């Protein structure tokens, strides 16, 4: 299995955000509102069957639905979404470049 230092830093950041949220009592929608305000047409909260926002199992922040133009949607933790939101066009291009059976 390939070990990536960058992936482990991302995982540690996610765990750190979980600890900070619990210690300081931060709201689960802290990151979500900032992202949705940037482009309400492209981003929205992930809701369950009872129309309640779903939260990440690791950190407790709410999940975000990102539209990948020309491909579909992706779901990601809002606390980790800043890099994905910044690079959403590149991610959509990568998804379109995959062979049809890989999508």
PDB file of N, CA and C in Angstrom:
ATOM      1  N   UNK A   1       0.840  -1.183   0.000  1.00  0.00           N
ATOM      2  CA  UNK A   1       0.000   0.000   0.000  1.00  0.00           C
ATOM      3  C   UNK A   1       0.882   1.242   0.000  1.00  0.00           C
ATOM      4  N   UNK A   2       0.539   2.208  -0.814  1.00  0.00           N
ATOM      5  CA  UNK A   2       1.300   3.440  -0.944  1.00  0.00           C
ATOM      6  C   UNK A   2       0.996   4.374   0.224  1.00  0.00           C
ATOM      7  N   UNK A   3       2.033   4.921   0.849  1.00  0.00           N
ATOM      8  CA  UNK A   3       1.874   5.839   1.968  1.00  0.00           C
ATOM      9  C   UNK A   3       2.092   7.259   1.479  1.00  0.00           C
ATOM     10  N   UNK A   4       1.150   8.135   1.750  1.00  0.00           N
ATOM     11  CA  UNK A   4       1.252   9.516   1.311  1.00  0.00           C
ATOM     12  C   UNK A   4       1.287  10.441   2.525  1.00  0.00           C
ATOM     13  N   UNK A   5       2.353  11.189   2.656  1.00  0.00           N
ATOM     14  CA  UNK A   5       2.485  12.144   3.747  1.00  0.00           C
ATOM     15  C   UNK A   5       1.373  13.190   3.690  1.00  0.00           C
ATOM     16  N   UNK A   6       1.051  13.637   2.488  1.00  0.00           N
ATOM     17  CA  UNK A   6       0.004  14.657   2.308  1.00  0.00           C
ATOM     18  C   UNK A   6      -1.358  14.144   2.761  1.00  0.00           C
ATOM     19  N   UNK A   7      -1.680  12.891   2.437  1.00  0.00           N
ATOM     20  CA  UNK A   7      -2.953  12.321   2.871  1.00  0.00           C
ATOM     21  C   UNK A   7      -3.009  12.205   4.386  1.00  0.00           C
ATOM     22  N   UNK A   8      -1.913  11.834   4.999  1.00  0.00           N
ATOM     23  CA  UNK A   8      -1.892  11.720   6.454  1.00  0.00           C
ATOM     24  C   UNK A   8      -2.029  13.082   7.115  1.00  0.00           C
ATOM     25  N   UNK A   9      -1.438  14.116   6.532  1.00  0.00           N
ATOM     26  CA  UNK A   9      -1.626  15.460   7.073  1.00  0.00           C
ATOM     27  C   UNK A   9      -3.087  15.874   6.976  1.00  0.00           C
ATOM     28  N   UNK A  10      -3.738  15.530   5.874  1.00  0.00           N
ATOM     29  CA  UNK A  10      -5.161  15.832   5.725  1.00  0.00           C
ATOM     30  C   UNK A  10      -5.988  15.102   6.768  1.00  0.00           C
ATOM     31  N   UNK A  11      -5.645  13.863   7.042  1.00  0.00           N
ATOM     32  CA  UNK A  11      -6.349  13.088   8.056  1.00  0.00           C
ATOM     33  C   UNK A  11      -6.140  13.659   9.444  1.00  0.00           C
ATOM     34  N   UNK A  12      -4.910  14.084   9.729  1.00  0.00           N
ATOM     35  CA  UNK A  12      -4.624  14.706  11.027  1.00  0.00           C
ATOM     36  C   UNK A  12      -5.363  16.034  11.170  1.00  0.00           C
ATOM     37  N   UNK A  13      -5.457  16.782  10.089  1.00  0.00           N
ATOM     38  CA  UNK A  13      -6.210  18.038  10.112  1.00  0.00           C
ATOM     39  C   UNK A  13      -7.677  17.771  10.410  1.00  0.00           C
ATOM     40  N   UNK A  14      -8.215  16.726   9.824  1.00  0.00           N
ATOM     41  CA  UNK A  14      -9.617  16.366  10.042  1.00  0.00           C
ATOM     42  C   UNK A  14      -9.850  15.974  11.506  1.00  0.00           C
ATOM     43  N   UNK A  15      -8.951  15.188  12.062  1.00  0.00           N
ATOM     44  CA  UNK A  15      -9.060  14.797  13.470  1.00  0.00           C
ATOM     45  C   UNK A  15      -8.897  16.020  14.376  1.00  0.00           C
ATOM     46  N   UNK A  16      -7.979  16.917  14.026  1.00  0.00           N
ATOM     47  CA  UNK A  16      -7.787  18.139  14.796  1.00  0.00           C
ATOM     48  C   UNK A  16      -9.062  18.988  14.800  1.00  0.00           C
ATOM     49  N   UNK A  17      -9.718  19.093  13.653  1.00  0.00           N
ATOM     50  CA  UNK A  17     -10.965  19.859  13.590  1.00  0.00           C
ATOM     51  C   UNK A  17     -12.049  19.205  14.434  1.00  0.00           C
ATOM     52  N   UNK A  18     -12.053  17.884  14.477  1.00  0.00           N
ATOM     53  CA  UNK A  18     -13.027  17.179  15.324  1.00  0.00           C
ATOM     54  C   UNK A  18     -12.790  17.497  16.790  1.00  0.00           C
ATOM     55  N   UNK A  19     -11.533  17.473  17.211  1.00  0.00           N
ATOM     56  CA  UNK A  19     -11.202  17.781  18.609  1.00  0.00           C
ATOM     57  C   UNK A  19     -11.554  19.222  18.955  1.00  0.00           C
ATOM     58  N   UNK A  20     -11.202  20.144  18.088  1.00  0.00           N
ATOM     59  CA  UNK A  20     -11.504  21.553  18.343  1.00  0.00           C
ATOM     60  C   UNK A  20     -13.011  21.791  18.408  1.00  0.00           C
ATOM     61  N   UNK A  21     -13.765  21.139  17.537  1.00  0.00           N
ATOM     62  CA  UNK A  21     -15.221  21.311  17.545  1.00  0.00           C
ATOM     63  C   UNK A  21     -15.798  20.843  18.874  1.00  0.00           C
ATOM     64  N   UNK A  22     -15.319  19.714  19.368  1.00  0.00           N
ATOM     65  CA  UNK A  22     -15.836  19.174  20.624  1.00  0.00           C
ATOM     66  C   UNK A  22     -15.358  19.967  21.837  1.00  0.00           C
ATOM     67  N   UNK A  23     -14.103  20.379  21.850  1.00  0.00           N
ATOM     68  CA  UNK A  23     -13.556  21.117  22.991  1.00  0.00           C
ATOM     69  C   UNK A  23     -14.186  22.512  23.103  1.00  0.00           C
ATOM     70  N   UNK A  24     -14.273  23.211  21.966  1.00  0.00           N
ATOM     71  CA  UNK A  24     -14.765  24.584  21.985  1.00  0.00           C
ATOM     72  C   UNK A  24     -16.262  24.696  21.715  1.00  0.00           C
ATOM     73  N   UNK A  25     -16.935  23.578  21.460  1.00  0.00           N
ATOM     74  CA  UNK A  25     -18.378  23.590  21.227  1.00  0.00           C
ATOM     75  C   UNK A  25     -18.781  24.340  19.971  1.00  0.00           C
ATOM     76  N   UNK A  26     -18.012  24.188  18.894  1.00  0.00           N
ATOM     77  CA  UNK A  26     -18.296  24.893  17.646  1.00  0.00           C
ATOM     78  C   UNK A  26     -19.513  24.300  16.945  1.00  0.00           C
ATOM     79  N   UNK A  27     -20.227  25.125  16.230  1.00  0.00           N
ATOM     80  CA  UNK A  27     -21.446  24.700  15.525  1.00  0.00           C
ATOM     81  C   UNK A  27     -21.101  23.763  14.375  1.00  0.00           C
ATOM     82  N   UNK A  28     -21.922  22.743  14.140  1.00  0.00           N
ATOM     83  CA  UNK A  28     -21.659  21.800  13.049  1.00  0.00           C
ATOM     84  C   UNK A  28     -21.730  22.430  11.659  1.00  0.00           C
ATOM     85  N   UNK A  29     -22.377  23.582  11.528  1.00  0.00           N
ATOM     86  CA  UNK A  29     -22.504  24.227  10.220  1.00  0.00           C
ATOM     87  C   UNK A  29     -21.502  25.372  10.022  1.00  0.00           C
ATOM     88  N   UNK A  30     -20.484  25.400  10.834  1.00  0.00           N
ATOM     89  CA  UNK A  30     -19.498  26.486  10.809  1.00  0.00           C
ATOM     90  C   UNK A  30     -18.898  26.710   9.418  1.00  0.00           C
ATOM     91  N   UNK A  31     -18.438  25.682   8.764  1.00  0.00           N
ATOM     92  CA  UNK A  31     -17.799  25.808   7.451  1.00  0.00           C
ATOM     93  C   UNK A  31     -18.815  25.807   6.313  1.00  0.00           C
ATOM     94  N   UNK A  32     -19.917  25.153   6.527  1.00  0.00           N
ATOM     95  CA  UNK A  32     -20.922  24.978   5.485  1.00  0.00           C
ATOM     96  C   UNK A  32     -21.478  26.304   4.988  1.00  0.00           C
ATOM     97  N   UNK A  33     -21.827  27.209   5.887  1.00  0.00           N
ATOM     98  CA  UNK A  33     -22.433  28.481   5.487  1.00  0.00           C
ATOM     99  C   UNK A  33     -21.495  29.320   4.625  1.00  0.00           C
ATOM    100  N   UNK A  34     -20.220  29.345   4.957  1.00  0.00           N
ATOM    101  CA  UNK A  34     -19.256  30.124   4.174  1.00  0.00           C
ATOM    102  C   UNK A  34     -19.169  29.604   2.748  1.00  0.00           C
ATOM    103  N   UNK A  35     -19.156  28.289   2.599  1.00  0.00           N
ATOM    104  CA  UNK A  35     -19.017  27.682   1.276  1.00  0.00           C
ATOM    105  C   UNK A  35     -20.287  27.898   0.463  1.00  0.00           C
ATOM    106  N   UNK A  36     -21.437  27.681   1.066  1.00  0.00           N
ATOM    107  CA  UNK A  36     -22.701  27.839   0.341  1.00  0.00           C
ATOM    108  C   UNK A  36     -22.901  29.287  -0.087  1.00  0.00           C
ATOM    109  N   UNK A  37     -22.521  30.248   0.739  1.00  0.00           N
ATOM    110  CA  UNK A  37     -22.647  31.659   0.379  1.00  0.00           C
ATOM    111  C   UNK A  37     -21.820  32.013  -0.844  1.00  0.00           C
ATOM    112  N   UNK A  38     -20.715  31.308  -1.073  1.00  0.00           N
ATOM    113  CA  UNK A  38     -19.858  31.611  -2.223  1.00  0.00           C
ATOM    114  C   UNK A  38     -20.544  31.284  -3.547  1.00  0.00           C
ATOM    115  N   UNK A  39     -21.365  30.235  -3.591  1.00  0.00           N
ATOM    116  CA  UNK A  39     -22.107  29.875  -4.805  1.00  0.00           C
ATOM    117  C   UNK A  39     -23.269  28.958  -4.433  1.00  0.00           C
ATOM    118  N   UNK A  40     -24.434  29.540  -4.087  1.00  0.00           N
ATOM    119  CA  UNK A  40     -25.569  28.723  -3.631  1.00  0.00           C
ATOM    120  C   UNK A  40     -26.106  27.765  -4.698  1.00  0.00           C
ATOM    121  N   UNK A  41     -25.843  28.050  -5.971  1.00  0.00           N
ATOM    122  CA  UNK A  41     -26.328  27.171  -7.036  1.00  0.00           C
ATOM    123  C   UNK A  41     -25.523  25.873  -7.116  1.00  0.00           C
ATOM    124  N   UNK A  42     -24.259  25.939  -6.739  1.00  0.00           N
ATOM    125  CA  UNK A  42     -23.359  24.806  -6.897  1.00  0.00           C
ATOM    126  C   UNK A  42     -23.222  23.956  -5.637  1.00  0.00           C
ATOM    127  N   UNK A  43     -23.404  24.560  -4.457  1.00  0.00           N
ATOM    128  CA  UNK A  43     -23.178  23.861  -3.200  1.00  0.00           C
ATOM    129  C   UNK A  43     -24.440  23.857  -2.346  1.00  0.00           C
ATOM    130  N   UNK A  44     -24.646  22.754  -1.621  1.00  0.00           N
ATOM    131  CA  UNK A  44     -25.767  22.684  -0.684  1.00  0.00           C
ATOM    132  C   UNK A  44     -25.476  21.617   0.370  1.00  0.00           C
ATOM    133  N   UNK A  45     -26.190  21.686   1.459  1.00  0.00           N
ATOM    134  CA  UNK A  45     -26.035  20.716   2.537  1.00  0.00           C
ATOM    135  C   UNK A  45     -26.648  19.383   2.136  1.00  0.00           C
ATOM    136  N   UNK A  46     -26.082  18.305   2.637  1.00  0.00           N
ATOM    137  CA  UNK A  46     -26.637  16.969   2.406  1.00  0.00           C
ATOM    138  C   UNK A  46     -27.686  16.720   3.487  1.00  0.00           C
ATOM    139  N   UNK A  47     -28.887  16.348   3.064  1.00  0.00           N
ATOM    140  CA  UNK A  47     -29.995  16.140   3.997  1.00  0.00           C
ATOM    141  C   UNK A  47     -30.388  14.670   4.051  1.00  0.00           C
ATOM    142  N   UNK A  48     -30.913  14.247   5.194  1.00  0.00           N
ATOM    143  CA  UNK A  48     -31.412  12.883   5.329  1.00  0.00           C
ATOM    144  C   UNK A  48     -32.889  12.839   4.933  1.00  0.00           C
ATOM    145  N   UNK A  49     -33.545  11.706   5.151  1.00  0.00           N
ATOM    146  CA  UNK A  49     -34.943  11.534   4.766  1.00  0.00           C
ATOM    147  C   UNK A  49     -35.896  12.437   5.546  1.00  0.00           C
ATOM    148  N   UNK A  50     -35.482  12.880   6.715  1.00  0.00           N
ATOM    149  CA  UNK A  50     -36.310  13.752   7.546  1.00  0.00           C
ATOM    150  C   UNK A  50     -35.967  15.228   7.333  1.00  0.00           C
ATOM    151  N   UNK A  51     -35.211  15.516   6.275  1.00  0.00           N
ATOM    152  CA  UNK A  51     -34.790  16.869   5.913  1.00  0.00           C
ATOM    153  C   UNK A  51     -33.924  17.521   6.993  1.00  0.00           C
ATOM    154  N   UNK A  52     -33.112  16.719   7.663  1.00  0.00           N
ATOM    155  CA  UNK A  52     -32.150  17.196   8.646  1.00  0.00           C
ATOM    156  C   UNK A  52     -30.749  17.060   8.039  1.00  0.00           C
ATOM    157  N   UNK A  53     -29.851  18.018   8.284  1.00  0.00           N
ATOM    158  CA  UNK A  53     -28.495  17.935   7.719  1.00  0.00           C
ATOM    159  C   UNK A  53     -27.721  16.735   8.273  1.00  0.00           C
ATOM    160  N   UNK A  54     -27.011  16.072   7.388  1.00  0.00           N
ATOM    161  CA  UNK A  54     -26.159  14.956   7.803  1.00  0.00           C
ATOM    162  C   UNK A  54     -24.788  15.485   8.205  1.00  0.00           C
ATOM    163  N   UNK A  55     -24.192  14.835   9.202  1.00  0.00           N
ATOM    164  CA  UNK A  55     -22.881  15.258   9.698  1.00  0.00           C
ATOM    165  C   UNK A  55     -21.832  14.194   9.398  1.00  0.00           C
ATOM    166  N   UNK A  56     -20.596  14.634   9.285  1.00  0.00           N
ATOM    167  CA  UNK A  56     -19.456  13.746   9.085  1.00  0.00           C
ATOM    168  C   UNK A  56     -19.313  12.847  10.314  1.00  0.00           C
ATOM    169  N   UNK A  57     -19.047  11.584  10.090  1.00  0.00           N
ATOM    170  CA  UNK A  57     -18.906  10.640  11.207  1.00  0.00           C
ATOM    171  C   UNK A  57     -17.642  10.874  12.017  1.00  0.00           C
ATOM    172  N   UNK A  58     -16.635  11.459  11.398  1.00  0.00           N
ATOM    173  CA  UNK A  58     -15.379  11.670  12.108  1.00  0.00           C
ATOM    174  C   UNK A  58     -15.384  12.956  12.930  1.00  0.00           C
ATOM    175  N   UNK A  59     -15.736  14.068  12.293  1.00  0.00           N
ATOM    176  CA  UNK A  59     -15.591  15.355  12.986  1.00  0.00           C
ATOM    177  C   UNK A  59     -16.904  15.981  13.435  1.00  0.00           C
ATOM    178  N   UNK A  60     -18.018  15.590  12.869  1.00  0.00           N
ATOM    179  CA  UNK A  60     -19.308  16.133  13.283  1.00  0.00           C
ATOM    180  C   UNK A  60     -19.756  17.366  12.526  1.00  0.00           C
ATOM    181  N   UNK A  61     -18.909  17.912  11.648  1.00  0.00           N
ATOM    182  CA  UNK A  61     -19.345  19.040  10.819  1.00  0.00           C
ATOM    183  C   UNK A  61     -20.263  18.517   9.714  1.00  0.00           C
ATOM    184  N   UNK A  62     -21.111  19.387   9.206  1.00  0.00           N
ATOM    185  CA  UNK A  62     -22.094  18.960   8.217  1.00  0.00           C
ATOM    186  C   UNK A  62     -21.450  18.622   6.879  1.00  0.00           C
ATOM    187  N   UNK A  63     -22.122  17.721   6.156  1.00  0.00           N
ATOM    188  CA  UNK A  63     -21.646  17.292   4.845  1.00  0.00           C
ATOM    189  C   UNK A  63     -22.119  18.261   3.770  1.00  0.00           C
ATOM    190  N   UNK A  64     -21.334  18.348   2.715  1.00  0.00           N
ATOM    191  CA  UNK A  64     -21.573  19.288   1.619  1.00  0.00           C
ATOM    192  C   UNK A  64     -21.729  18.522   0.322  1.00  0.00           C
ATOM    193  N   UNK A  65     -22.696  18.933  -0.487  1.00  0.00           N
ATOM    194  CA  UNK A  65     -22.923  18.380  -1.811  1.00  0.00           C
ATOM    195  C   UNK A  65     -22.304  19.340  -2.814  1.00  0.00           C
ATOM    196  N   UNK A  66     -21.357  18.885  -3.613  1.00  0.00           N
ATOM    197  CA  UNK A  66     -20.698  19.713  -4.618  1.00  0.00           C
ATOM    198  C   UNK A  66     -21.114  19.223  -5.996  1.00  0.00           C
ATOM    199  N   UNK A  67     -21.560  20.155  -6.841  1.00  0.00           N
ATOM    200  CA  UNK A  67     -21.904  19.789  -8.206  1.00  0.00           C
ATOM    201  C   UNK A  67     -20.643  19.822  -9.061  1.00  0.00           C
ATOM    202  N   UNK A  68     -20.348  18.699  -9.697  1.00  0.00           N
ATOM    203  CA  UNK A  68     -19.227  18.621 -10.636  1.00  0.00           C
ATOM    204  C   UNK A  68     -19.821  18.811 -12.025  1.00  0.00           C
ATOM    205  N   UNK A  69     -19.629  19.980 -12.592  1.00  0.00           N
ATOM    206  CA  UNK A  69     -20.278  20.358 -13.848  1.00  0.00           C
ATOM    207  C   UNK A  69     -19.970  19.339 -14.934  1.00  0.00           C
ATOM    208  N   UNK A  70     -21.014  18.835 -15.553  1.00  0.00           N
ATOM    209  CA  UNK A  70     -20.873  17.867 -16.619  1.00  0.00           C
ATOM    210  C   UNK A  70     -20.650  16.444 -16.155  1.00  0.00           C
ATOM    211  N   UNK A  71     -20.655  16.210 -14.848  1.00  0.00           N
ATOM    212  CA  UNK A  71     -20.415  14.851 -14.362  1.00  0.00           C
ATOM    213  C   UNK A  71     -21.453  14.404 -13.351  1.00  0.00           C
ATOM    214  N   UNK A  72     -21.711  15.173 -12.346  1.00  0.00           N
ATOM    215  CA  UNK A  72     -22.648  14.771 -11.307  1.00  0.00           C
ATOM    216  C   UNK A  72     -22.359  15.502 -10.021  1.00  0.00           C
ATOM    217  N   UNK A  73     -22.450  14.776  -8.916  1.00  0.00           N
ATOM    218  CA  UNK A  73     -22.258  15.373  -7.600  1.00  0.00           C
ATOM    219  C   UNK A  73     -21.225  14.593  -6.796  1.00  0.00           C
ATOM    220  N   UNK A  74     -20.644  15.271  -5.822  1.00  0.00           N
ATOM    221  CA  UNK A  74     -19.746  14.637  -4.867  1.00  0.00           C
ATOM    222  C   UNK A  74     -20.170  15.104  -3.482  1.00  0.00           C
ATOM    223  N   UNK A  75     -19.986  14.242  -2.497  1.00  0.00           N
ATOM    224  CA  UNK A  75     -20.294  14.582  -1.113  1.00  0.00           C
ATOM    225  C   UNK A  75     -18.990  14.602  -0.328  1.00  0.00           C
ATOM    226  N   UNK A  76     -18.804  15.652   0.473  1.00  0.00           N
ATOM    227  CA  UNK A  76     -17.569  15.816   1.233  1.00  0.00           C
ATOM    228  C   UNK A  76     -17.877  16.520   2.552  1.00  0.00           C
ATOM    229  N   UNK A  77     -17.038  16.294   3.526  1.00  0.00           N
ATOM    230  CA  UNK A  77     -17.156  16.983   4.811  1.00  0.00           C
ATOM    231  C   UNK A  77     -16.878  18.470   4.582  1.00  0.00           C
ATOM    232  N   UNK A  78     -17.734  19.329   5.112  1.00  0.00           N
ATOM    233  CA  UNK A  78     -17.560  20.770   4.890  1.00  0.00           C
ATOM    234  C   UNK A  78     -16.276  21.299   5.533  1.00  0.00           C
ATOM    235  N   UNK A  79     -15.769  20.637   6.565  1.00  0.00           N
ATOM    236  CA  UNK A  79     -14.531  21.114   7.185  1.00  0.00           C
ATOM    237  C   UNK A  79     -13.311  20.839   6.310  1.00  0.00           C
ATOM    238  N   UNK A  80     -13.425  19.928   5.382  1.00  0.00           N
ATOM    239  CA  UNK A  80     -12.316  19.574   4.500  1.00  0.00           C
ATOM    240  C   UNK A  80     -12.533  20.046   3.070  1.00  0.00           C
ATOM    241  N   UNK A  81     -13.595  20.759   2.819  1.00  0.00           N
ATOM    242  CA  UNK A  81     -14.002  21.087   1.455  1.00  0.00           C
ATOM    243  C   UNK A  81     -13.268  22.270   0.841  1.00  0.00           C
ATOM    244  N   UNK A  82     -12.517  23.038   1.612  1.00  0.00           N
ATOM    245  CA  UNK A  82     -11.924  24.251   1.063  1.00  0.00           C
ATOM    246  C   UNK A  82     -11.045  23.980  -0.164  1.00  0.00           C
ATOM    247  N   UNK A  83     -10.261  22.921  -0.159  1.00  0.00           N
ATOM    248  CA  UNK A  83      -9.419  22.610  -1.324  1.00  0.00           C
ATOM    249  C   UNK A  83     -10.248  22.088  -2.489  1.00  0.00           C
ATOM    250  N   UNK A  84     -11.285  21.334  -2.188  1.00  0.00           N
ATOM    251  CA  UNK A  84     -12.137  20.804  -3.250  1.00  0.00           C
ATOM    252  C   UNK A  84     -12.951  21.910  -3.902  1.00  0.00           C
ATOM    253  N   UNK A  85     -13.436  22.837  -3.113  1.00  0.00           N
ATOM    254  CA  UNK A  85     -14.201  23.953  -3.658  1.00  0.00           C
ATOM    255  C   UNK A  85     -13.308  24.811  -4.544  1.00  0.00           C
ATOM    256  N   UNK A  86     -12.082  25.022  -4.098  1.00  0.00           N
ATOM    257  CA  UNK A  86     -11.139  25.827  -4.880  1.00  0.00           C
ATOM    258  C   UNK A  86     -10.804  25.146  -6.213  1.00  0.00           C
ATOM    259  N   UNK A  87     -10.774  23.814  -6.241  1.00  0.00           N
ATOM    260  CA  UNK A  87     -10.362  23.065  -7.428  1.00  0.00           C
ATOM    261  C   UNK A  87     -11.498  22.284  -8.072  1.00  0.00           C
ATOM    262  N   UNK A  88     -12.742  22.698  -7.877  1.00  0.00           N
ATOM    263  CA  UNK A  88     -13.877  21.921  -8.353  1.00  0.00           C
ATOM    264  C   UNK A  88     -13.865  21.729  -9.879  1.00  0.00           C
ATOM    265  N   UNK A  89     -13.403  22.726 -10.623  1.00  0.00           N
ATOM    266  CA  UNK A  89     -13.354  22.598 -12.084  1.00  0.00           C
ATOM    267  C   UNK A  89     -12.327  21.548 -12.504  1.00  0.00           C
ATOM    268  N   UNK A  90     -11.186  21.509 -11.825  1.00  0.00           N
ATOM    269  CA  UNK A  90     -10.167  20.505 -12.137  1.00  0.00           C
ATOM    270  C   UNK A  90     -10.652  19.106 -11.785  1.00  0.00           C
ATOM    271  N   UNK A  91     -11.363  18.969 -10.676  1.00  0.00           N
ATOM    272  CA  UNK A  91     -11.899  17.673 -10.269  1.00  0.00           C
ATOM    273  C   UNK A  91     -12.928  17.194 -11.286  1.00  0.00           C
ATOM    274  N   UNK A  92     -13.784  18.101 -11.755  1.00  0.00           N
ATOM    275  CA  UNK A  92     -14.781  17.733 -12.764  1.00  0.00           C
ATOM    276  C   UNK A  92     -14.096  17.300 -14.056  1.00  0.00           C
ATOM    277  N   UNK A  93     -13.021  17.989 -14.441  1.00  0.00           N
ATOM    278  CA  UNK A  93     -12.268  17.601 -15.636  1.00  0.00           C
ATOM    279  C   UNK A  93     -11.657  16.225 -15.487  1.00  0.00           C
ATOM    280  N   UNK A  94     -11.124  15.926 -14.303  1.00  0.00           N
ATOM    281  CA  UNK A  94     -10.564  14.607 -14.040  1.00  0.00           C
ATOM    282  C   UNK A  94     -11.652  13.540 -14.124  1.00  0.00           C
ATOM    283  N   UNK A  95     -12.821  13.811 -13.546  1.00  0.00           N
ATOM    284  CA  UNK A  95     -13.916  12.843 -13.572  1.00  0.00           C
ATOM    285  C   UNK A  95     -14.367  12.575 -15.006  1.00  0.00           C
ATOM    286  N   UNK A  96     -14.394  13.610 -15.839  1.00  0.00           N
ATOM    287  CA  UNK A  96     -14.788  13.422 -17.243  1.00  0.00           C
ATOM    288  C   UNK A  96     -13.741  12.627 -18.016  1.00  0.00           C
ATOM    289  N   UNK A  97     -12.481  12.683 -17.582  1.00  0.00           N
ATOM    290  CA  UNK A  97     -11.419  11.981 -18.301  1.00  0.00           C
ATOM    291  C   UNK A  97     -11.382  10.478 -17.994  1.00  0.00           C
ATOM    292  N   UNK A  98     -12.109  10.048 -16.962  1.00  0.00           N
ATOM    293  CA  UNK A  98     -12.124   8.635 -16.625  1.00  0.00           C
ATOM    294  C   UNK A  98     -12.873   7.825 -17.683  1.00  0.00           C
ATOM    295  N   UNK A  99     -12.453   6.595 -17.928  1.00  0.00           N
ATOM    296  CA  UNK A  99     -13.206   5.759 -18.852  1.00  0.00           C
ATOM    297  C   UNK A  99     -14.628   5.551 -18.299  1.00  0.00           C
ATOM    298  N   UNK A 100     -15.572   5.334 -19.185  1.00  0.00           N
ATOM    299  CA  UNK A 100     -16.974   5.253 -18.802  1.00  0.00           C
ATOM    300  C   UNK A 100     -17.231   4.210 -17.729  1.00  0.00           C
ATOM    301  N   UNK A 101     -16.579   3.038 -17.796  1.00  0.00           N
ATOM    302  CA  UNK A 101     -16.822   1.986 -16.794  1.00  0.00           C
ATOM    303  C   UNK A 101     -16.179   2.318 -15.460  1.00  0.00           C
ATOM    304  N   UNK A 102     -15.272   3.310 -15.378  1.00  0.00           N
ATOM    305  CA  UNK A 102     -14.647   3.719 -14.114  1.00  0.00           C
ATOM    306  C   UNK A 102     -15.521   4.718 -13.355  1.00  0.00           C
ATOM    307  N   UNK A 103     -16.415   5.393 -14.054  1.00  0.00           N
ATOM    308  CA  UNK A 103     -17.253   6.416 -13.430  1.00  0.00           C
ATOM    309  C   UNK A 103     -18.345   5.712 -12.710  1.00  0.00           C
TER     310      UNK A 103
END
